[in-house]
């Protein structure tokens, strides 16, 4: 299934996507926090290594999710649904 752009979604679909964006943002923060904790623990315990830079791997994914969220928020504001 191809993902539609926010401008192509109906009002109901847009509201459903907005709910998903909130949970996605929460899980992005949770995952990034866990990865940062693992990196800090690994750095203290074993010195610098591969786990030290582990959070850097997740940054592009979280950035892409945040951009999608902003697009949905802008579409909600344009349609006065928020």
PDB file of N, CA and C in Angstrom:
ATOM      1  N   UNK A   1       0.838  -1.169   0.000  1.00  0.00           N
ATOM      2  CA  UNK A   1       0.000   0.000   0.000  1.00  0.00           C
ATOM      3  C   UNK A   1       0.891   1.242   0.000  1.00  0.00           C
ATOM      4  N   UNK A   2       0.626   2.125  -0.932  1.00  0.00           N
ATOM      5  CA  UNK A   2       1.382   3.363  -1.024  1.00  0.00           C
ATOM      6  C   UNK A   2       0.838   4.358  -0.006  1.00  0.00           C
ATOM      7  N   UNK A   3       1.729   5.075   0.620  1.00  0.00           N
ATOM      8  CA  UNK A   3       1.314   6.086   1.577  1.00  0.00           C
ATOM      9  C   UNK A   3       0.936   7.353   0.828  1.00  0.00           C
ATOM     10  N   UNK A   4      -0.173   7.943   1.218  1.00  0.00           N
ATOM     11  CA  UNK A   4      -0.645   9.165   0.583  1.00  0.00           C
ATOM     12  C   UNK A   4       0.001  10.366   1.255  1.00  0.00           C
ATOM     13  N   UNK A   5       0.103  11.438   0.490  1.00  0.00           N
ATOM     14  CA  UNK A   5       0.548  12.706   1.047  1.00  0.00           C
ATOM     15  C   UNK A   5      -0.575  13.256   1.919  1.00  0.00           C
ATOM     16  N   UNK A   6      -0.261  14.053   2.920  1.00  0.00           N
ATOM     17  CA  UNK A   6      -1.311  14.596   3.794  1.00  0.00           C
ATOM     18  C   UNK A   6      -2.374  15.393   3.048  1.00  0.00           C
ATOM     19  N   UNK A   7      -2.017  16.045   1.950  1.00  0.00           N
ATOM     20  CA  UNK A   7      -2.992  16.825   1.189  1.00  0.00           C
ATOM     21  C   UNK A   7      -4.010  15.928   0.482  1.00  0.00           C
ATOM     22  N   UNK A   8      -3.649  14.669   0.226  1.00  0.00           N
ATOM     23  CA  UNK A   8      -4.530  13.738  -0.471  1.00  0.00           C
ATOM     24  C   UNK A   8      -5.482  12.996   0.463  1.00  0.00           C
ATOM     25  N   UNK A   9      -5.265  13.095   1.761  1.00  0.00           N
ATOM     26  CA  UNK A   9      -6.075  12.360   2.724  1.00  0.00           C
ATOM     27  C   UNK A   9      -7.399  13.062   2.975  1.00  0.00           C
ATOM     28  N   UNK A  10      -8.406  12.266   3.311  1.00  0.00           N
ATOM     29  CA  UNK A  10      -9.677  12.847   3.723  1.00  0.00           C
ATOM     30  C   UNK A  10      -9.521  13.367   5.150  1.00  0.00           C
ATOM     31  N   UNK A  11     -10.518  14.105   5.613  1.00  0.00           N
ATOM     32  CA  UNK A  11     -10.448  14.654   6.967  1.00  0.00           C
ATOM     33  C   UNK A  11     -10.330  13.549   8.008  1.00  0.00           C
ATOM     34  N   UNK A  12     -11.120  12.493   7.844  1.00  0.00           N
ATOM     35  CA  UNK A  12     -11.106  11.391   8.811  1.00  0.00           C
ATOM     36  C   UNK A  12      -9.746  10.689   8.804  1.00  0.00           C
ATOM     37  N   UNK A  13      -9.204  10.427   7.620  1.00  0.00           N
ATOM     38  CA  UNK A  13      -7.902   9.775   7.529  1.00  0.00           C
ATOM     39  C   UNK A  13      -6.804  10.660   8.127  1.00  0.00           C
ATOM     40  N   UNK A  14      -6.939  11.956   7.924  1.00  0.00           N
ATOM     41  CA  UNK A  14      -5.957  12.888   8.457  1.00  0.00           C
ATOM     42  C   UNK A  14      -5.979  12.901   9.984  1.00  0.00           C
ATOM     43  N   UNK A  15      -7.161  12.857  10.569  1.00  0.00           N
ATOM     44  CA  UNK A  15      -7.273  12.811  12.030  1.00  0.00           C
ATOM     45  C   UNK A  15      -6.696  11.511  12.590  1.00  0.00           C
ATOM     46  N   UNK A  16      -6.895  10.401  11.868  1.00  0.00           N
ATOM     47  CA  UNK A  16      -6.327   9.123  12.303  1.00  0.00           C
ATOM     48  C   UNK A  16      -4.800   9.168  12.236  1.00  0.00           C
ATOM     49  N   UNK A  17      -4.269   9.767  11.182  1.00  0.00           N
ATOM     50  CA  UNK A  17      -2.824   9.894  11.052  1.00  0.00           C
ATOM     51  C   UNK A  17      -2.250  10.784  12.157  1.00  0.00           C
ATOM     52  N   UNK A  18      -2.996  11.808  12.549  1.00  0.00           N
ATOM     53  CA  UNK A  18      -2.538  12.697  13.622  1.00  0.00           C
ATOM     54  C   UNK A  18      -2.408  11.933  14.938  1.00  0.00           C
ATOM     55  N   UNK A  19      -3.328  11.004  15.188  1.00  0.00           N
ATOM     56  CA  UNK A  19      -3.229  10.182  16.398  1.00  0.00           C
ATOM     57  C   UNK A  19      -1.990   9.298  16.351  1.00  0.00           C
ATOM     58  N   UNK A  20      -1.702   8.745  15.168  1.00  0.00           N
ATOM     59  CA  UNK A  20      -0.533   7.885  15.018  1.00  0.00           C
ATOM     60  C   UNK A  20       0.757   8.678  15.191  1.00  0.00           C
ATOM     61  N   UNK A  21       0.750   9.935  14.774  1.00  0.00           N
ATOM     62  CA  UNK A  21       1.942  10.771  14.900  1.00  0.00           C
ATOM     63  C   UNK A  21       2.293  10.972  16.360  1.00  0.00           C
ATOM     64  N   UNK A  22       1.286  11.138  17.205  1.00  0.00           N
ATOM     65  CA  UNK A  22       1.542  11.334  18.632  1.00  0.00           C
ATOM     66  C   UNK A  22       2.211  10.113  19.239  1.00  0.00           C
ATOM     67  N   UNK A  23       1.728   8.917  18.909  1.00  0.00           N
ATOM     68  CA  UNK A  23       2.334   7.711  19.466  1.00  0.00           C
ATOM     69  C   UNK A  23       3.720   7.486  18.868  1.00  0.00           C
ATOM     70  N   UNK A  24       3.891   7.822  17.594  1.00  0.00           N
ATOM     71  CA  UNK A  24       5.194   7.669  16.969  1.00  0.00           C
ATOM     72  C   UNK A  24       6.219   8.577  17.631  1.00  0.00           C
ATOM     73  N   UNK A  25       5.827   9.798  17.939  1.00  0.00           N
ATOM     74  CA  UNK A  25       6.739  10.732  18.599  1.00  0.00           C
ATOM     75  C   UNK A  25       7.136  10.206  19.982  1.00  0.00           C
ATOM     76  N   UNK A  26       6.180   9.632  20.692  1.00  0.00           N
ATOM     77  CA  UNK A  26       6.475   9.065  22.007  1.00  0.00           C
ATOM     78  C   UNK A  26       7.479   7.921  21.888  1.00  0.00           C
ATOM     79  N   UNK A  27       7.241   7.013  20.942  1.00  0.00           N
ATOM     80  CA  UNK A  27       8.140   5.872  20.796  1.00  0.00           C
ATOM     81  C   UNK A  27       9.504   6.285  20.256  1.00  0.00           C
ATOM     82  N   UNK A  28       9.556   7.314  19.415  1.00  0.00           N
ATOM     83  CA  UNK A  28      10.853   7.825  18.968  1.00  0.00           C
ATOM     84  C   UNK A  28      11.663   8.326  20.158  1.00  0.00           C
ATOM     85  N   UNK A  29      11.021   9.072  21.038  1.00  0.00           N
ATOM     86  CA  UNK A  29      11.714   9.587  22.223  1.00  0.00           C
ATOM     87  C   UNK A  29      12.147   8.443  23.138  1.00  0.00           C
ATOM     88  N   UNK A  30      11.279   7.453  23.297  1.00  0.00           N
ATOM     89  CA  UNK A  30      11.601   6.305  24.143  1.00  0.00           C
ATOM     90  C   UNK A  30      12.791   5.523  23.595  1.00  0.00           C
ATOM     91  N   UNK A  31      12.769   5.229  22.312  1.00  0.00           N
ATOM     92  CA  UNK A  31      13.859   4.468  21.695  1.00  0.00           C
ATOM     93  C   UNK A  31      15.164   5.248  21.756  1.00  0.00           C
ATOM     94  N   UNK A  32      15.090   6.551  21.445  1.00  0.00           N
ATOM     95  CA  UNK A  32      16.311   7.352  21.486  1.00  0.00           C
ATOM     96  C   UNK A  32      16.868   7.434  22.905  1.00  0.00           C
ATOM     97  N   UNK A  33      15.993   7.552  23.885  1.00  0.00           N
ATOM     98  CA  UNK A  33      16.442   7.579  25.274  1.00  0.00           C
ATOM     99  C   UNK A  33      17.100   6.279  25.691  1.00  0.00           C
ATOM    100  N   UNK A  34      16.512   5.164  25.273  1.00  0.00           N
ATOM    101  CA  UNK A  34      17.110   3.872  25.590  1.00  0.00           C
ATOM    102  C   UNK A  34      18.476   3.730  24.933  1.00  0.00           C
ATOM    103  N   UNK A  35      18.578   4.130  23.671  1.00  0.00           N
ATOM    104  CA  UNK A  35      19.857   4.032  22.972  1.00  0.00           C
ATOM    105  C   UNK A  35      20.909   4.937  23.609  1.00  0.00           C
ATOM    106  N   UNK A  36      20.491   6.119  24.046  1.00  0.00           N
ATOM    107  CA  UNK A  36      21.428   7.021  24.716  1.00  0.00           C
ATOM    108  C   UNK A  36      21.881   6.423  26.046  1.00  0.00           C
ATOM    109  N   UNK A  37      20.969   5.789  26.762  1.00  0.00           N
ATOM    110  CA  UNK A  37      21.328   5.129  28.015  1.00  0.00           C
ATOM    111  C   UNK A  37      22.300   3.983  27.798  1.00  0.00           C
ATOM    112  N   UNK A  38      22.046   3.194  26.775  1.00  0.00           N
ATOM    113  CA  UNK A  38      22.955   2.091  26.449  1.00  0.00           C
ATOM    114  C   UNK A  38      24.325   2.633  26.076  1.00  0.00           C
ATOM    115  N   UNK A  39      24.341   3.715  25.309  1.00  0.00           N
ATOM    116  CA  UNK A  39      25.616   4.314  24.897  1.00  0.00           C
ATOM    117  C   UNK A  39      26.376   4.849  26.100  1.00  0.00           C
ATOM    118  N   UNK A  40      25.677   5.505  27.000  1.00  0.00           N
ATOM    119  CA  UNK A  40      26.341   6.053  28.188  1.00  0.00           C
ATOM    120  C   UNK A  40      26.894   4.926  29.061  1.00  0.00           C
ATOM    121  N   UNK A  41      26.090   3.892  29.278  1.00  0.00           N
ATOM    122  CA  UNK A  41      26.540   2.767  30.104  1.00  0.00           C
ATOM    123  C   UNK A  41      27.744   2.075  29.467  1.00  0.00           C
ATOM    124  N   UNK A  42      27.668   1.849  28.154  1.00  0.00           N
ATOM    125  CA  UNK A  42      28.764   1.170  27.474  1.00  0.00           C
ATOM    126  C   UNK A  42      30.037   2.013  27.495  1.00  0.00           C
ATOM    127  N   UNK A  43      29.874   3.326  27.383  1.00  0.00           N
ATOM    128  CA  UNK A  43      31.049   4.204  27.406  1.00  0.00           C
ATOM    129  C   UNK A  43      31.714   4.206  28.769  1.00  0.00           C
ATOM    130  N   UNK A  44      30.917   4.222  29.826  1.00  0.00           N
ATOM    131  CA  UNK A  44      31.473   4.224  31.173  1.00  0.00           C
ATOM    132  C   UNK A  44      32.086   2.871  31.502  1.00  0.00           C
ATOM    133  N   UNK A  45      31.396   1.815  31.127  1.00  0.00           N
ATOM    134  CA  UNK A  45      31.828   0.465  31.480  1.00  0.00           C
ATOM    135  C   UNK A  45      33.041   0.001  30.655  1.00  0.00           C
ATOM    136  N   UNK A  46      32.994   0.217  29.334  1.00  0.00           N
ATOM    137  CA  UNK A  46      34.013  -0.353  28.458  1.00  0.00           C
ATOM    138  C   UNK A  46      34.820   0.686  27.683  1.00  0.00           C
ATOM    139  N   UNK A  47      34.566   1.952  27.888  1.00  0.00           N
ATOM    140  CA  UNK A  47      35.247   2.978  27.099  1.00  0.00           C
ATOM    141  C   UNK A  47      34.527   3.157  25.765  1.00  0.00           C
ATOM    142  N   UNK A  48      35.118   3.943  24.893  1.00  0.00           N
ATOM    143  CA  UNK A  48      34.479   4.195  23.603  1.00  0.00           C
ATOM    144  C   UNK A  48      34.503   2.951  22.743  1.00  0.00           C
ATOM    145  N   UNK A  49      33.392   2.724  22.064  1.00  0.00           N
ATOM    146  CA  UNK A  49      33.265   1.572  21.195  1.00  0.00           C
ATOM    147  C   UNK A  49      32.092   1.770  20.265  1.00  0.00           C
ATOM    148  N   UNK A  50      31.631   0.706  19.679  1.00  0.00           N
ATOM    149  CA  UNK A  50      30.527   0.775  18.714  1.00  0.00           C
ATOM    150  C   UNK A  50      29.223   1.214  19.381  1.00  0.00           C
ATOM    151  N   UNK A  51      28.993   0.808  20.621  1.00  0.00           N
ATOM    152  CA  UNK A  51      27.753   1.166  21.311  1.00  0.00           C
ATOM    153  C   UNK A  51      27.698   2.644  21.704  1.00  0.00           C
ATOM    154  N   UNK A  52      28.837   3.299  21.718  1.00  0.00           N
ATOM    155  CA  UNK A  52      28.874   4.722  22.040  1.00  0.00           C
ATOM    156  C   UNK A  52      28.138   5.533  20.979  1.00  0.00           C
ATOM    157  N   UNK A  53      28.235   5.106  19.753  1.00  0.00           N
ATOM    158  CA  UNK A  53      27.643   5.845  18.637  1.00  0.00           C
ATOM    159  C   UNK A  53      26.309   5.271  18.185  1.00  0.00           C
ATOM    160  N   UNK A  54      25.739   4.373  18.957  1.00  0.00           N
ATOM    161  CA  UNK A  54      24.475   3.732  18.627  1.00  0.00           C
ATOM    162  C   UNK A  54      23.316   4.707  18.428  1.00  0.00           C
ATOM    163  N   UNK A  55      23.164   5.743  19.242  1.00  0.00           N
ATOM    164  CA  UNK A  55      22.041   6.669  19.023  1.00  0.00           C
ATOM    165  C   UNK A  55      22.109   7.407  17.692  1.00  0.00           C
ATOM    166  N   UNK A  56      23.297   7.562  17.142  1.00  0.00           N
ATOM    167  CA  UNK A  56      23.434   8.259  15.869  1.00  0.00           C
ATOM    168  C   UNK A  56      22.759   7.515  14.721  1.00  0.00           C
ATOM    169  N   UNK A  57      22.615   6.218  14.867  1.00  0.00           N
ATOM    170  CA  UNK A  57      21.965   5.418  13.831  1.00  0.00           C
ATOM    171  C   UNK A  57      20.477   5.735  13.754  1.00  0.00           C
ATOM    172  N   UNK A  58      19.875   6.055  14.871  1.00  0.00           N
ATOM    173  CA  UNK A  58      18.431   6.273  14.917  1.00  0.00           C
ATOM    174  C   UNK A  58      18.023   7.705  14.566  1.00  0.00           C
ATOM    175  N   UNK A  59      18.947   8.632  14.543  1.00  0.00           N
ATOM    176  CA  UNK A  59      18.613  10.036  14.273  1.00  0.00           C
ATOM    177  C   UNK A  59      17.926  10.231  12.917  1.00  0.00           C
ATOM    178  N   UNK A  60      18.396   9.638  11.811  1.00  0.00           N
ATOM    179  CA  UNK A  60      17.691   9.843  10.533  1.00  0.00           C
ATOM    180  C   UNK A  60      16.254   9.311  10.538  1.00  0.00           C
ATOM    181  N   UNK A  61      16.022   8.229  11.228  1.00  0.00           N
ATOM    182  CA  UNK A  61      14.670   7.664  11.302  1.00  0.00           C
ATOM    183  C   UNK A  61      13.750   8.605  12.066  1.00  0.00           C
ATOM    184  N   UNK A  62      14.218   9.096  13.200  1.00  0.00           N
ATOM    185  CA  UNK A  62      13.415  10.013  14.005  1.00  0.00           C
ATOM    186  C   UNK A  62      13.179  11.332  13.270  1.00  0.00           C
ATOM    187  N   UNK A  63      14.152  11.797  12.519  1.00  0.00           N
ATOM    188  CA  UNK A  63      14.006  13.030  11.759  1.00  0.00           C
ATOM    189  C   UNK A  63      12.953  12.876  10.671  1.00  0.00           C
ATOM    190  N   UNK A  64      12.955  11.746   9.992  1.00  0.00           N
ATOM    191  CA  UNK A  64      11.958  11.475   8.952  1.00  0.00           C
ATOM    192  C   UNK A  64      10.552  11.410   9.559  1.00  0.00           C
ATOM    193  N   UNK A  65      10.425  10.765  10.704  1.00  0.00           N
ATOM    194  CA  UNK A  65       9.127  10.690  11.377  1.00  0.00           C
ATOM    195  C   UNK A  65       8.644  12.072  11.807  1.00  0.00           C
ATOM    196  N   UNK A  66       9.560  12.902  12.275  1.00  0.00           N
ATOM    197  CA  UNK A  66       9.196  14.251  12.708  1.00  0.00           C
ATOM    198  C   UNK A  66       8.751  15.100  11.520  1.00  0.00           C
ATOM    199  N   UNK A  67       9.385  14.932  10.376  1.00  0.00           N
ATOM    200  CA  UNK A  67       8.999  15.687   9.176  1.00  0.00           C
ATOM    201  C   UNK A  67       7.597  15.282   8.715  1.00  0.00           C
ATOM    202  N   UNK A  68       7.299  13.991   8.781  1.00  0.00           N
ATOM    203  CA  UNK A  68       5.952  13.522   8.430  1.00  0.00           C
ATOM    204  C   UNK A  68       4.922  14.092   9.400  1.00  0.00           C
ATOM    205  N   UNK A  69       5.284  14.142  10.657  1.00  0.00           N
ATOM    206  CA  UNK A  69       4.389  14.696  11.671  1.00  0.00           C
ATOM    207  C   UNK A  69       4.106  16.168  11.437  1.00  0.00           C
ATOM    208  N   UNK A  70       5.141  16.922  11.067  1.00  0.00           N
ATOM    209  CA  UNK A  70       4.950  18.346  10.777  1.00  0.00           C
ATOM    210  C   UNK A  70       4.037  18.546   9.574  1.00  0.00           C
ATOM    211  N   UNK A  71       4.183  17.698   8.556  1.00  0.00           N
ATOM    212  CA  UNK A  71       3.337  17.812   7.366  1.00  0.00           C
ATOM    213  C   UNK A  71       1.877  17.549   7.721  1.00  0.00           C
ATOM    214  N   UNK A  72       1.638  16.583   8.571  1.00  0.00           N
ATOM    215  CA  UNK A  72       0.265  16.275   8.991  1.00  0.00           C
ATOM    216  C   UNK A  72      -0.289  17.403   9.845  1.00  0.00           C
ATOM    217  N   UNK A  73       0.518  17.943  10.744  1.00  0.00           N
ATOM    218  CA  UNK A  73       0.072  19.067  11.575  1.00  0.00           C
ATOM    219  C   UNK A  73      -0.272  20.282  10.713  1.00  0.00           C
ATOM    220  N   UNK A  74       0.544  20.552   9.696  1.00  0.00           N
ATOM    221  CA  UNK A  74       0.260  21.675   8.803  1.00  0.00           C
ATOM    222  C   UNK A  74      -1.034  21.453   8.030  1.00  0.00           C
ATOM    223  N   UNK A  75      -1.275  20.222   7.585  1.00  0.00           N
ATOM    224  CA  UNK A  75      -2.514  19.919   6.869  1.00  0.00           C
ATOM    225  C   UNK A  75      -3.725  20.082   7.788  1.00  0.00           C
ATOM    226  N   UNK A  76      -3.575  19.701   9.058  1.00  0.00           N
ATOM    227  CA  UNK A  76      -4.660  19.884  10.022  1.00  0.00           C
ATOM    228  C   UNK A  76      -4.969  21.362  10.225  1.00  0.00           C
ATOM    229  N   UNK A  77      -3.939  22.187  10.306  1.00  0.00           N
ATOM    230  CA  UNK A  77      -4.151  23.617  10.489  1.00  0.00           C
ATOM    231  C   UNK A  77      -4.788  24.247   9.253  1.00  0.00           C
ATOM    232  N   UNK A  78      -4.390  23.800   8.063  1.00  0.00           N
ATOM    233  CA  UNK A  78      -4.956  24.340   6.831  1.00  0.00           C
ATOM    234  C   UNK A  78      -6.459  24.052   6.736  1.00  0.00           C
ATOM    235  N   UNK A  79      -6.846  22.889   7.200  1.00  0.00           N
ATOM    236  CA  UNK A  79      -8.258  22.476   7.124  1.00  0.00           C
ATOM    237  C   UNK A  79      -9.056  22.875   8.378  1.00  0.00           C
ATOM    238  N   UNK A  80      -8.407  23.538   9.311  1.00  0.00           N
ATOM    239  CA  UNK A  80      -9.041  23.943  10.568  1.00  0.00           C
ATOM    240  C   UNK A  80      -9.642  22.773  11.330  1.00  0.00           C
ATOM    241  N   UNK A  81      -8.903  21.668  11.364  1.00  0.00           N
ATOM    242  CA  UNK A  81      -9.368  20.490  12.098  1.00  0.00           C
ATOM    243  C   UNK A  81      -8.761  20.412  13.491  1.00  0.00           C
ATOM    244  N   UNK A  82      -7.812  21.237  13.761  1.00  0.00           N
ATOM    245  CA  UNK A  82      -7.162  21.171  15.062  1.00  0.00           C
ATOM    246  C   UNK A  82      -7.648  22.278  15.949  1.00  0.00           C
TER     247      UNK A  82
END
